[in-house]
Amino acid sequence: MSSIAHFTAGAALLMLGAASQAGEFNAETYHGSNCTRCHGTDVYTRENRKMQSYGMLESRVKGCDARFGEKLAEQNLSGLVDYLNDSYYKFGK
């Protein structure tokens, strides 16, 4: 196999791997690895919590994403917001 064919095959495999990883976003895992670096889950359940609506939660998650330069895809941001809402907040959408 020529070096060009090896390069092309390698590039295709890398692209498939990246696409596969992009589809495997797990909000719970992401939250445990990233969000909890700054705060524990007690901020979600404390009596005087700041989030009072789904919209506020969504805005806060997007703000954190921008502030820390994560640049999650929109569908992953939505998944993270839904995970937090389903697990802790229980806001109507």
N, C-alpha and C. Protein backbone atom coordinates (compact mmCIF):
# COMPACT_ATOMS: atom_id res chain seq x y z
N MET A 1 0.86 -1.18 0.00
CA MET A 1 0.00 0.00 0.00
C MET A 1 0.90 1.23 0.00
N SER A 2 0.59 2.20 -0.84
CA SER A 2 1.40 3.40 -0.93
C SER A 2 1.22 4.27 0.30
N SER A 3 2.14 5.22 0.51
CA SER A 3 2.05 6.10 1.68
C SER A 3 0.82 7.01 1.59
N ILE A 4 0.41 7.36 0.38
CA ILE A 4 -0.80 8.18 0.22
C ILE A 4 -2.03 7.38 0.65
N ALA A 5 -2.07 6.11 0.28
CA ALA A 5 -3.20 5.26 0.67
C ALA A 5 -3.22 5.07 2.18
N HIS A 6 -2.04 4.88 2.78
CA HIS A 6 -1.97 4.77 4.24
C HIS A 6 -2.48 6.04 4.91
N PHE A 7 -2.05 7.18 4.38
CA PHE A 7 -2.47 8.47 4.94
C PHE A 7 -3.98 8.63 4.83
N THR A 8 -4.52 8.31 3.67
CA THR A 8 -5.96 8.45 3.43
C THR A 8 -6.74 7.52 4.36
N ALA A 9 -6.28 6.28 4.49
CA ALA A 9 -6.97 5.33 5.36
C ALA A 9 -6.88 5.79 6.81
N GLY A 10 -5.72 6.28 7.22
CA GLY A 10 -5.54 6.77 8.59
C GLY A 10 -6.44 7.97 8.86
N ALA A 11 -6.51 8.88 7.92
CA ALA A 11 -7.36 10.07 8.09
C ALA A 11 -8.83 9.67 8.20
N ALA A 12 -9.24 8.71 7.39
CA ALA A 12 -10.63 8.25 7.45
C ALA A 12 -10.95 7.63 8.80
N LEU A 13 -10.03 6.84 9.32
CA LEU A 13 -10.24 6.22 10.63
C LEU A 13 -10.31 7.28 11.74
N LEU A 14 -9.46 8.28 11.66
CA LEU A 14 -9.50 9.36 12.65
C LEU A 14 -10.83 10.10 12.59
N MET A 15 -11.31 10.37 11.39
CA MET A 15 -12.59 11.07 11.25
C MET A 15 -13.73 10.23 11.79
N LEU A 16 -13.72 8.93 11.54
CA LEU A 16 -14.76 8.04 12.06
C LEU A 16 -14.70 8.00 13.58
N GLY A 17 -13.51 7.96 14.13
CA GLY A 17 -13.35 7.95 15.58
C GLY A 17 -13.88 9.22 16.21
N ALA A 18 -13.58 10.36 15.61
CA ALA A 18 -14.05 11.64 16.14
C ALA A 18 -15.57 11.73 16.06
N ALA A 19 -16.14 11.26 14.96
CA ALA A 19 -17.59 11.28 14.81
C ALA A 19 -18.23 10.37 15.84
N SER A 20 -17.62 9.23 16.07
CA SER A 20 -18.16 8.30 17.05
C SER A 20 -18.11 8.89 18.45
N GLN A 21 -17.00 9.53 18.80
CA GLN A 21 -16.87 10.13 20.12
C GLN A 21 -17.87 11.26 20.30
N ALA A 22 -18.10 12.05 19.24
CA ALA A 22 -19.05 13.16 19.34
C ALA A 22 -20.44 12.65 19.66
N GLY A 23 -20.80 11.47 19.16
CA GLY A 23 -22.12 10.92 19.39
C GLY A 23 -22.26 10.25 20.75
N GLU A 24 -21.18 10.14 21.49
CA GLU A 24 -21.20 9.42 22.76
C GLU A 24 -21.20 10.33 23.98
N PHE A 25 -21.66 11.55 23.85
CA PHE A 25 -21.67 12.47 24.99
C PHE A 25 -22.56 11.91 26.09
N ASN A 26 -22.03 11.87 27.29
CA ASN A 26 -22.78 11.40 28.44
C ASN A 26 -22.80 12.54 29.45
N ALA A 27 -23.95 13.13 29.65
CA ALA A 27 -24.08 14.31 30.50
C ALA A 27 -23.67 14.03 31.94
N GLU A 28 -24.03 12.88 32.46
CA GLU A 28 -23.68 12.55 33.84
C GLU A 28 -22.17 12.45 34.02
N THR A 29 -21.51 11.79 33.09
CA THR A 29 -20.05 11.66 33.14
C THR A 29 -19.39 13.02 32.98
N TYR A 30 -19.88 13.81 32.01
CA TYR A 30 -19.33 15.14 31.78
C TYR A 30 -19.47 15.99 33.05
N HIS A 31 -20.64 15.96 33.63
CA HIS A 31 -20.90 16.73 34.85
C HIS A 31 -19.92 16.33 35.95
N GLY A 32 -19.76 15.03 36.15
CA GLY A 32 -18.87 14.54 37.20
C GLY A 32 -17.41 14.90 36.98
N SER A 33 -17.02 15.03 35.72
CA SER A 33 -15.63 15.34 35.40
C SER A 33 -15.35 16.83 35.28
N ASN A 34 -16.36 17.63 35.02
CA ASN A 34 -16.13 19.04 34.72
C ASN A 34 -16.82 19.99 35.69
N CYS A 35 -18.11 19.91 35.79
CA CYS A 35 -18.87 20.87 36.60
C CYS A 35 -18.46 20.80 38.07
N THR A 36 -18.23 19.60 38.54
CA THR A 36 -17.92 19.43 39.97
C THR A 36 -16.48 19.81 40.31
N ARG A 37 -15.71 20.25 39.32
CA ARG A 37 -14.39 20.82 39.62
C ARG A 37 -14.55 22.16 40.33
N CYS A 38 -15.66 22.85 40.08
CA CYS A 38 -15.89 24.17 40.68
C CYS A 38 -16.86 24.14 41.86
N HIS A 39 -17.78 23.20 41.86
CA HIS A 39 -18.78 23.16 42.93
C HIS A 39 -19.32 21.74 43.08
N GLY A 40 -19.83 21.46 44.24
CA GLY A 40 -20.46 20.17 44.49
C GLY A 40 -21.92 20.21 44.08
N THR A 41 -22.58 19.08 44.23
CA THR A 41 -24.00 19.01 43.86
C THR A 41 -24.90 19.69 44.88
N ASP A 42 -24.34 20.08 46.01
CA ASP A 42 -25.15 20.76 47.03
C ASP A 42 -25.71 22.08 46.54
N VAL A 43 -25.08 22.71 45.55
CA VAL A 43 -25.62 23.97 45.04
C VAL A 43 -26.96 23.78 44.35
N TYR A 44 -27.24 22.57 43.91
CA TYR A 44 -28.50 22.29 43.22
C TYR A 44 -29.64 22.06 44.21
N THR A 45 -29.31 21.62 45.39
CA THR A 45 -30.34 21.19 46.33
C THR A 45 -30.46 22.08 47.57
N ARG A 46 -29.59 23.07 47.69
CA ARG A 46 -29.67 23.91 48.88
C ARG A 46 -30.96 24.72 48.87
N GLU A 47 -31.37 25.11 50.04
CA GLU A 47 -32.65 25.81 50.19
C GLU A 47 -32.70 27.14 49.42
N ASN A 48 -31.61 27.86 49.40
CA ASN A 48 -31.58 29.18 48.75
C ASN A 48 -30.88 29.12 47.38
N ARG A 49 -31.15 28.05 46.63
CA ARG A 49 -30.47 27.91 45.33
C ARG A 49 -30.86 29.06 44.39
N LYS A 50 -29.93 29.38 43.50
CA LYS A 50 -30.12 30.52 42.61
C LYS A 50 -31.02 30.22 41.42
N MET A 51 -31.00 29.00 40.95
CA MET A 51 -31.80 28.64 39.78
C MET A 51 -33.27 28.50 40.18
N GLN A 52 -34.11 29.22 39.46
CA GLN A 52 -35.53 29.21 39.76
C GLN A 52 -36.40 28.77 38.59
N SER A 53 -35.76 28.50 37.44
CA SER A 53 -36.52 28.07 36.26
C SER A 53 -35.60 27.32 35.30
N TYR A 54 -36.22 26.60 34.38
CA TYR A 54 -35.46 25.88 33.36
C TYR A 54 -34.63 26.87 32.54
N GLY A 55 -35.22 28.00 32.19
CA GLY A 55 -34.51 29.02 31.41
C GLY A 55 -33.28 29.55 32.13
N MET A 56 -33.40 29.77 33.43
CA MET A 56 -32.24 30.23 34.21
C MET A 56 -31.15 29.16 34.22
N LEU A 57 -31.55 27.92 34.38
CA LEU A 57 -30.59 26.81 34.40
C LEU A 57 -29.87 26.72 33.05
N GLU A 58 -30.64 26.79 31.99
CA GLU A 58 -30.07 26.73 30.65
C GLU A 58 -29.06 27.86 30.42
N SER A 59 -29.43 29.05 30.84
CA SER A 59 -28.54 30.20 30.70
C SER A 59 -27.26 30.03 31.51
N ARG A 60 -27.38 29.51 32.72
CA ARG A 60 -26.21 29.30 33.58
C ARG A 60 -25.26 28.26 32.98
N VAL A 61 -25.80 27.17 32.48
CA VAL A 61 -24.97 26.13 31.88
C VAL A 61 -24.25 26.67 30.65
N LYS A 62 -24.94 27.42 29.82
CA LYS A 62 -24.31 28.02 28.64
C LYS A 62 -23.23 29.02 29.06
N GLY A 63 -23.48 29.77 30.13
CA GLY A 63 -22.48 30.70 30.64
C GLY A 63 -21.23 30.00 31.13
N CYS A 64 -21.41 28.91 31.85
CA CYS A 64 -20.27 28.13 32.32
C CYS A 64 -19.48 27.57 31.14
N ASP A 65 -20.18 27.07 30.16
CA ASP A 65 -19.53 26.53 28.97
C ASP A 65 -18.67 27.60 28.30
N ALA A 66 -19.21 28.79 28.14
CA ALA A 66 -18.47 29.88 27.51
C ALA A 66 -17.31 30.35 28.39
N ARG A 67 -17.56 30.48 29.66
CA ARG A 67 -16.54 30.99 30.60
C ARG A 67 -15.32 30.08 30.66
N PHE A 68 -15.54 28.79 30.61
CA PHE A 68 -14.44 27.86 30.73
C PHE A 68 -13.95 27.33 29.39
N GLY A 69 -14.50 27.85 28.30
CA GLY A 69 -14.01 27.54 26.96
C GLY A 69 -14.26 26.11 26.50
N GLU A 70 -15.27 25.47 27.06
CA GLU A 70 -15.55 24.08 26.69
C GLU A 70 -16.11 23.97 25.27
N LYS A 71 -16.96 24.89 24.88
CA LYS A 71 -17.55 24.92 23.54
C LYS A 71 -18.26 23.61 23.19
N LEU A 72 -19.14 23.18 24.08
CA LEU A 72 -19.93 21.99 23.80
C LEU A 72 -20.87 22.25 22.63
N ALA A 73 -21.14 21.21 21.89
CA ALA A 73 -22.15 21.31 20.82
C ALA A 73 -23.50 21.59 21.45
N GLU A 74 -24.37 22.26 20.73
CA GLU A 74 -25.68 22.65 21.26
C GLU A 74 -26.45 21.45 21.80
N GLN A 75 -26.41 20.32 21.11
CA GLN A 75 -27.14 19.14 21.57
C GLN A 75 -26.55 18.61 22.88
N ASN A 76 -25.25 18.77 23.08
CA ASN A 76 -24.63 18.33 24.33
C ASN A 76 -24.95 19.29 25.47
N LEU A 77 -25.01 20.58 25.16
CA LEU A 77 -25.44 21.56 26.17
C LEU A 77 -26.86 21.24 26.63
N SER A 78 -27.73 20.97 25.66
CA SER A 78 -29.12 20.63 25.99
C SER A 78 -29.19 19.36 26.82
N GLY A 79 -28.36 18.39 26.48
CA GLY A 79 -28.32 17.15 27.24
C GLY A 79 -27.86 17.37 28.67
N LEU A 80 -26.89 18.26 28.85
CA LEU A 80 -26.40 18.58 30.19
C LEU A 80 -27.46 19.31 31.00
N VAL A 81 -28.14 20.26 30.39
CA VAL A 81 -29.22 20.97 31.07
C VAL A 81 -30.33 19.99 31.46
N ASP A 82 -30.70 19.12 30.55
CA ASP A 82 -31.74 18.13 30.85
C ASP A 82 -31.31 17.18 31.97
N TYR A 83 -30.05 16.77 31.95
CA TYR A 83 -29.54 15.90 33.02
C TYR A 83 -29.67 16.60 34.37
N LEU A 84 -29.23 17.86 34.45
CA LEU A 84 -29.31 18.60 35.71
C LEU A 84 -30.76 18.79 36.14
N ASN A 85 -31.60 19.12 35.18
CA ASN A 85 -33.01 19.33 35.49
C ASN A 85 -33.68 18.04 35.97
N ASP A 86 -33.44 16.97 35.25
CA ASP A 86 -34.06 15.69 35.61
C ASP A 86 -33.54 15.15 36.95
N SER A 87 -32.26 15.38 37.20
CA SER A 87 -31.63 14.81 38.40
C SER A 87 -31.84 15.66 39.65
N TYR A 88 -31.94 16.98 39.49
CA TYR A 88 -31.96 17.85 40.66
C TYR A 88 -33.10 18.85 40.71
N TYR A 89 -33.36 19.54 39.61
CA TYR A 89 -34.26 20.70 39.67
C TYR A 89 -35.73 20.37 39.47
N LYS A 90 -36.04 19.57 38.48
CA LYS A 90 -37.42 19.19 38.17
C LYS A 90 -38.30 20.36 37.70
N PHE A 91 -37.68 21.30 36.96
CA PHE A 91 -38.44 22.42 36.40
C PHE A 91 -39.25 21.94 35.21
N GLY A 92 -40.38 22.59 34.95
CA GLY A 92 -41.09 22.37 33.70
C GLY A 92 -40.34 23.11 32.60
N LYS A 93 -40.47 22.62 31.40
CA LYS A 93 -39.73 23.29 30.28
C LYS A 93 -40.54 24.39 29.69
